[in-house]
Amino acid sequence: MKKSIKLFFAISLVLSIPVFSIFSQVTGDVNKDSSVDIIDALITAQYYVGLDPVVFFPEFADVNCDGETALDNLPMIFMMISLILL
């Protein structure tokens, strides 16, 4: 049962979120270090609460590709991280 739930979320994520953005940069990799990890989520959270992260590329925080760098992208970054760790 646990495997089927993980598989469901993995397939849902792959089908609903374009993984690559312009210039083959990974969507969700807001600090451009070639991986989506907890640092990307923390930097994105800093941006959303009004802090000014030193390295932040907001165009890569638009994980759901709706044209906005909005707060609803942060949970998707966490989902991407959790799928990587599975």
Protein backbone atom coordinates (compact mmCIF):
# COMPACT_ATOMS: atom_id res chain seq x y z
CA MET A 1 0.00 0.00 0.00
CA LYS A 2 2.80 2.42 0.93
CA LYS A 3 4.58 1.78 -2.38
CA SER A 4 1.42 2.43 -4.37
CA ILE A 5 0.90 5.77 -2.62
CA LYS A 6 4.49 6.81 -3.35
CA LEU A 7 4.09 5.73 -6.96
CA PHE A 8 0.83 7.66 -7.26
CA PHE A 9 2.46 10.86 -5.96
CA ALA A 10 5.51 10.38 -8.16
CA ILE A 11 3.39 9.93 -11.29
CA SER A 12 1.13 12.84 -10.33
CA LEU A 13 4.10 15.10 -9.81
CA VAL A 14 5.75 14.12 -13.07
CA LEU A 15 2.57 14.62 -15.06
CA SER A 16 1.55 17.91 -13.46
CA ILE A 17 4.85 19.80 -13.17
CA PRO A 18 7.19 20.47 -16.06
CA VAL A 19 10.59 19.48 -14.73
CA PHE A 20 12.69 21.64 -17.03
CA SER A 21 12.36 25.31 -17.65
CA ILE A 22 14.15 27.71 -19.96
CA PHE A 23 17.74 26.82 -20.81
CA SER A 24 17.26 23.35 -19.26
CA GLN A 25 17.44 24.78 -15.74
CA VAL A 26 15.65 22.56 -13.26
CA THR A 27 12.45 24.17 -12.02
CA GLY A 28 12.59 24.50 -8.23
CA ASP A 29 16.37 24.97 -8.22
CA VAL A 30 16.15 28.62 -7.13
CA ASN A 31 19.84 28.96 -6.25
CA LYS A 32 21.06 27.29 -9.48
CA ASP A 33 23.29 24.68 -7.85
CA SER A 34 21.94 21.95 -10.16
CA SER A 35 19.83 20.22 -7.52
CA VAL A 36 16.50 20.76 -5.82
CA ASP A 37 17.04 20.43 -2.09
CA ILE A 38 16.03 21.85 1.26
CA ILE A 39 18.19 24.92 0.64
CA ASP A 40 15.98 25.83 -2.34
CA ALA A 41 12.88 25.52 -0.16
CA LEU A 42 14.41 27.68 2.59
CA ILE A 43 15.55 30.36 0.13
CA THR A 44 12.09 30.41 -1.43
CA ALA A 45 10.47 30.73 2.01
CA GLN A 46 12.80 33.65 2.81
CA TYR A 47 11.70 35.36 -0.39
CA TYR A 48 8.00 34.89 0.41
CA VAL A 49 8.30 36.41 3.89
CA GLY A 50 10.01 39.50 2.53
CA LEU A 51 13.65 38.72 3.18
CA ASP A 52 16.13 39.28 0.38
CA PRO A 53 18.06 36.05 -0.22
CA VAL A 54 21.57 36.59 -1.58
CA VAL A 55 21.15 34.05 -4.39
CA PHE A 56 17.59 33.67 -5.64
CA PHE A 57 16.27 33.24 -9.16
CA PRO A 58 12.49 33.76 -8.88
CA GLU A 59 11.79 32.46 -12.38
CA PHE A 60 12.80 29.00 -11.17
CA ALA A 61 10.50 29.20 -8.13
CA ASP A 62 7.48 29.03 -10.46
CA VAL A 63 7.21 25.25 -10.13
CA ASN A 64 3.60 25.00 -11.31
CA CYS A 65 4.41 27.16 -14.37
CA ASP A 66 1.48 29.53 -13.95
CA GLY A 67 3.66 32.57 -14.61
CA GLU A 68 3.72 33.70 -10.98
CA THR A 69 6.27 33.30 -8.24
CA ALA A 70 3.65 32.81 -5.55
CA LEU A 71 3.44 31.02 -2.21
CA ASP A 72 1.61 28.02 -3.70
CA ASN A 73 4.90 26.92 -5.32
CA LEU A 74 6.64 26.27 -1.99
CA PRO A 75 4.74 23.05 -1.12
CA MET A 76 5.54 21.75 -4.61
CA ILE A 77 9.26 22.29 -3.98
CA PHE A 78 8.90 20.29 -0.75
CA MET A 79 7.11 17.55 -2.72
CA MET A 80 9.98 17.45 -5.22
CA ILE A 81 12.48 17.12 -2.38
CA SER A 82 10.52 14.31 -0.73
CA LEU A 83 10.34 12.38 -4.00
CA ILE A 84 14.08 12.71 -4.46
CA LEU A 85 14.64 11.29 -0.96
CA LEU A 86 12.39 8.24 -1.49
